[in-house]
Protein backbone atom coordinates (compact mmCIF):
# COMPACT_ATOMS: atom_id res chain seq x y z
CA MET A 1 -0.68 25.61 21.76
CA GLU A 2 -3.04 28.54 21.41
CA GLY A 3 -6.45 28.03 22.90
CA SER A 4 -6.11 24.38 23.84
CA SER A 5 -4.27 22.08 26.19
CA ALA A 6 -1.60 19.68 25.02
CA ALA A 7 -2.87 16.12 24.96
CA GLN A 8 -0.68 13.12 25.60
CA HIS A 9 -0.18 10.88 22.60
CA CYS A 10 1.45 7.51 22.16
CA GLY A 11 2.18 5.89 18.83
CA ALA A 12 -0.52 6.26 16.21
CA GLY A 13 -3.48 6.61 18.59
CA GLY A 14 -4.43 8.78 21.55
CA THR A 15 -6.13 12.13 22.08
CA TRP A 16 -5.73 15.43 20.33
CA PRO A 17 -6.58 19.02 21.33
CA LEU A 18 -9.31 19.64 18.81
CA ALA A 19 -11.42 22.18 20.69
CA GLU A 20 -10.76 24.98 23.10
CA GLY A 21 -10.59 24.01 26.72
CA GLY A 22 -9.91 20.31 26.35
CA ALA A 23 -8.94 17.31 24.32
CA VAL A 24 -11.20 15.25 22.15
CA ARG A 25 -10.49 11.57 21.66
CA VAL A 26 -9.80 10.69 18.05
CA HIS A 27 -12.15 8.04 16.71
CA SER A 28 -13.52 7.00 13.37
CA PRO A 29 -16.84 8.71 12.66
CA PRO A 30 -19.88 6.45 12.18
CA MET A 31 -20.43 5.18 8.66
CA ASN A 32 -23.17 6.93 6.74
CA ALA A 33 -23.87 5.54 3.30
CA ALA A 34 -25.80 8.66 2.30
CA ALA A 35 -23.07 11.14 3.25
CA PRO A 36 -20.75 12.20 0.41
CA VAL A 37 -17.05 11.55 0.88
CA GLN A 38 -15.25 14.83 1.46
CA THR A 39 -11.78 15.50 0.12
CA ASP A 40 -8.91 15.97 2.53
CA GLU A 41 -8.70 19.60 1.54
CA ALA A 42 -12.39 20.19 2.24
CA LEU A 43 -12.03 18.52 5.63
CA MET A 44 -9.04 20.68 6.54
CA LEU A 45 -10.94 23.82 5.57
CA ALA A 46 -13.86 22.63 7.70
CA TYR A 47 -11.47 22.07 10.60
CA ALA A 48 -10.14 25.59 10.10
CA ARG A 49 -13.73 26.80 10.56
CA GLY A 50 -13.88 25.00 13.89
CA GLU A 51 -15.39 21.61 12.97
CA ALA A 52 -13.48 19.21 15.21
CA ALA A 53 -15.00 16.14 13.55
CA ALA A 54 -13.25 17.08 10.31
CA PHE A 55 -9.88 16.68 12.00
CA GLU A 56 -10.93 13.30 13.33
CA GLN A 57 -11.60 12.12 9.78
CA LEU A 58 -8.26 13.43 8.52
CA TYR A 59 -6.43 11.76 11.38
CA ALA A 60 -8.23 8.46 10.78
CA ARG A 61 -7.39 8.57 7.06
CA HIS A 62 -3.70 9.36 7.37
CA ARG A 63 -2.43 8.25 10.79
CA GLN A 64 -1.35 4.77 9.75
CA GLY A 65 0.40 5.81 6.55
CA LEU A 66 2.10 8.76 8.21
CA TYR A 67 3.27 6.71 11.18
CA ALA A 68 4.64 4.00 8.88
CA PHE A 69 6.46 6.61 6.78
CA ILE A 70 8.09 8.21 9.82
CA GLY A 71 8.83 4.89 11.50
CA ARG A 72 10.56 3.39 8.48
CA GLN A 73 12.37 6.54 7.36
CA CYS A 74 13.54 7.69 10.80
CA PRO A 75 17.08 6.57 11.74
CA ARG A 76 16.27 6.50 15.46
CA ARG A 77 13.31 4.56 16.84
CA ALA A 78 13.18 6.86 19.86
CA TRP A 79 12.26 9.80 17.62
CA VAL A 80 9.27 8.25 15.89
CA ASP A 81 6.44 9.01 18.31
CA ASP A 82 7.70 12.54 18.92
CA LEU A 83 7.93 13.30 15.19
CA PHE A 84 4.48 11.82 14.59
CA GLN A 85 2.96 13.93 17.36
CA GLU A 86 4.84 17.07 16.30
CA THR A 87 3.56 16.69 12.75
CA TRP A 88 -0.07 16.57 13.84
CA MET A 89 0.46 19.40 16.30
CA SER A 90 1.78 21.49 13.40
CA VAL A 91 -1.41 20.69 11.49
CA VAL A 92 -3.46 21.86 14.47
CA LYS A 93 -1.46 25.07 14.82
CA ALA A 94 -1.63 25.85 11.10
CA ARG A 95 -5.37 25.31 10.72
CA GLU A 96 -6.42 28.96 10.69
CA GLY A 97 -3.99 29.90 7.93
CA TYR A 98 -4.44 26.74 5.86
CA ALA A 99 -4.89 27.21 2.11
CA PRO A 100 -5.21 24.18 -0.21
CA THR A 101 -2.43 25.14 -2.62
CA ALA A 102 -1.37 21.48 -2.85
CA ALA A 103 -2.91 18.12 -1.97
CA PHE A 104 -3.34 17.77 1.79
CA ARG A 105 -1.28 14.58 1.93
CA ILE A 106 1.66 16.33 0.24
CA TRP A 107 1.42 19.12 2.80
CA LEU A 108 1.10 16.64 5.70
CA PHE A 109 3.97 14.38 4.65
CA GLY A 110 6.03 17.48 3.83
CA ILE A 111 5.65 18.65 7.42
CA ALA A 112 6.80 15.24 8.67
CA ARG A 113 9.72 15.15 6.24
CA ASN A 114 10.90 18.63 7.22
CA LYS A 115 10.71 17.81 10.92
CA LEU A 116 12.70 14.63 10.36
CA ILE A 117 15.38 16.44 8.37
CA ASP A 118 15.57 19.21 10.98
CA ARG A 119 16.08 16.65 13.73
CA ILE A 120 18.75 14.83 11.75
CA ARG A 121 20.48 18.14 11.07
CA ARG A 122 20.55 18.88 14.82
CA HIS A 123 21.38 15.44 16.19
CA GLU A 124 22.84 13.28 13.40
CA PRO A 125 24.42 15.67 10.87
CA ALA A 126 26.61 12.92 9.43
CA LEU A 127 23.44 11.27 8.09
CA LEU A 128 22.03 14.39 6.48
CA ALA A 129 23.52 13.93 3.01
CA ASP A 130 21.78 10.58 2.61
CA PHE A 131 18.38 12.13 3.36
CA VAL A 132 18.65 15.23 1.18
CA GLY A 133 21.14 13.89 -1.37
CA PRO A 134 21.65 15.05 -4.68
CA GLU A 135 10.16 3.40 -17.30
CA GLU A 136 8.39 3.27 -13.68
CA ASP A 137 8.28 -0.17 -12.13
CA ASP A 138 5.06 -1.32 -10.52
CA PRO A 139 5.31 -1.13 -6.72
CA MET A 140 5.78 -4.40 -4.88
CA ALA A 141 2.76 -6.58 -4.41
CA ARG A 142 0.97 -5.77 -1.18
CA LEU A 143 1.83 -7.88 1.81
CA PRO A 144 -0.50 -10.77 2.69
CA ASP A 145 -3.69 -9.97 4.55
CA ALA A 146 -3.03 -9.73 8.28
CA GLY A 147 -6.49 -11.17 8.88
CA ASN A 148 -5.30 -14.67 8.02
CA HIS A 149 -5.84 -16.81 11.14
CA ASP A 150 -3.80 -19.85 10.09
CA PRO A 151 -0.80 -20.06 12.50
CA GLN A 152 1.67 -21.07 9.80
CA ALA A 153 0.44 -18.32 7.50
CA GLN A 154 0.66 -15.77 10.32
CA LEU A 155 4.24 -16.82 11.02
CA ALA A 156 5.10 -16.51 7.33
CA ASP A 157 3.48 -13.05 7.23
CA LYS A 158 5.46 -11.95 10.29
CA GLN A 159 8.70 -13.20 8.79
CA LEU A 160 7.94 -11.44 5.51
CA ARG A 161 7.23 -8.16 7.28
CA GLN A 162 10.44 -8.46 9.26
CA SER A 163 12.34 -9.12 6.04
CA LEU A 164 10.71 -6.10 4.41
CA ASP A 165 11.61 -3.86 7.36
CA ALA A 166 15.21 -5.03 7.22
CA ALA A 167 15.35 -4.53 3.44
CA LEU A 168 13.90 -1.03 3.76
CA ARG A 169 16.48 -0.13 6.39
CA ALA A 170 19.24 -1.25 4.04
CA LEU A 171 18.11 1.13 1.27
CA PRO A 172 19.68 4.56 0.81
CA ALA A 173 17.41 7.06 2.56
CA SER A 174 16.40 8.84 -0.66
CA GLN A 175 15.27 5.57 -2.27
CA ARG A 176 13.48 4.44 0.87
CA GLU A 177 11.70 7.79 1.03
CA ALA A 178 10.50 7.54 -2.57
CA PHE A 179 9.16 4.03 -1.97
CA LEU A 180 7.38 4.97 1.27
CA LEU A 181 5.81 8.08 -0.25
CA ARG A 182 4.47 5.92 -3.06
CA GLU A 183 3.30 3.02 -0.89
CA GLN A 184 2.27 4.73 2.36
CA ALA A 185 0.99 8.05 0.99
CA GLY A 186 -0.12 6.89 -2.46
CA MET A 187 1.73 9.76 -4.13
CA SER A 188 2.34 9.99 -7.85
CA LEU A 189 5.84 10.46 -9.25
CA ASP A 190 5.00 14.13 -9.86
CA GLU A 191 4.03 14.56 -6.23
CA ILE A 192 7.11 12.73 -4.94
CA ALA A 193 9.35 14.89 -7.11
CA SER A 194 7.62 18.06 -5.93
CA LEU A 195 7.77 17.14 -2.25
CA THR A 196 11.42 16.05 -2.29
CA GLY A 197 12.62 18.86 -4.58
CA VAL A 198 14.03 16.68 -7.37
CA SER A 199 13.24 16.13 -11.03
CA MET A 200 10.67 13.62 -12.20
CA GLU A 201 13.44 11.43 -13.65
CA THR A 202 15.30 11.43 -10.34
CA ALA A 203 12.16 10.46 -8.42
CA LYS A 204 11.43 7.74 -10.98
CA SER A 205 14.99 6.42 -10.73
CA ARG A 206 14.90 6.36 -6.94
CA LEU A 207 11.64 4.42 -6.93
CA ARG A 208 12.86 2.01 -9.59
CA TYR A 209 16.06 1.21 -7.69
CA ALA A 210 14.17 0.87 -4.41
CA VAL A 211 11.67 -1.59 -5.87
CA ALA A 212 14.40 -3.63 -7.56
CA ARG A 213 16.50 -3.85 -4.39
CA LEU A 214 13.51 -4.75 -2.23
CA LYS A 215 12.39 -7.48 -4.62
CA ALA A 216 15.90 -8.89 -4.71
CA ALA A 217 16.24 -8.81 -0.93
CA LEU A 218 12.89 -10.50 -0.34
CA ALA A 219 13.73 -13.14 -2.93
CA GLY A 220 16.99 -13.88 -1.12
CA GLY A 221 19.11 -12.31 -3.81
CA VAL A 222 20.88 -9.85 -1.50
């Protein structure tokens, strides 16, 4: 990468080359009640001007959602960390030419989606059609709070999460993608349609079918 050394990264944490000549550890900036909350787009523009702390805030905001999206949409577990790292490296490389023509999260998840599709095209072409294939329900209720310290409740939470992962894997890729973009990235139907290159009705249909199938699976109906 131009002007900086490549930092090693594992999973959704690690270090990133945010300044010339070295790597800066990503961490959440200290809370400041008086400081206004900056938009993602403003932070990316600040990073383009050389403010490394702006990247740290973007990474802290989106790392978990992005990693979950890649991890649950990717057909090969061995690809997940690489795709996650490659996505953020692309953000780093593109900083100087960044222009906020769309919401930052659409741009970020679009990078991840394109990298995933490119890898599938190269290594698993038989799966490609499923990923780029031809009234909105409320998303599923959020999973129980992981902070629950009751052993039985923790076991139930773990079992529910395992069931959700299995149900997500069983969905067609296009439906799973719509659900993850809504739940992990918080995208609207307009944004999902724009990112995936389909009509609003198609995006709405994909999300509706995904929610219905997930609810049925978690209720033991599938």
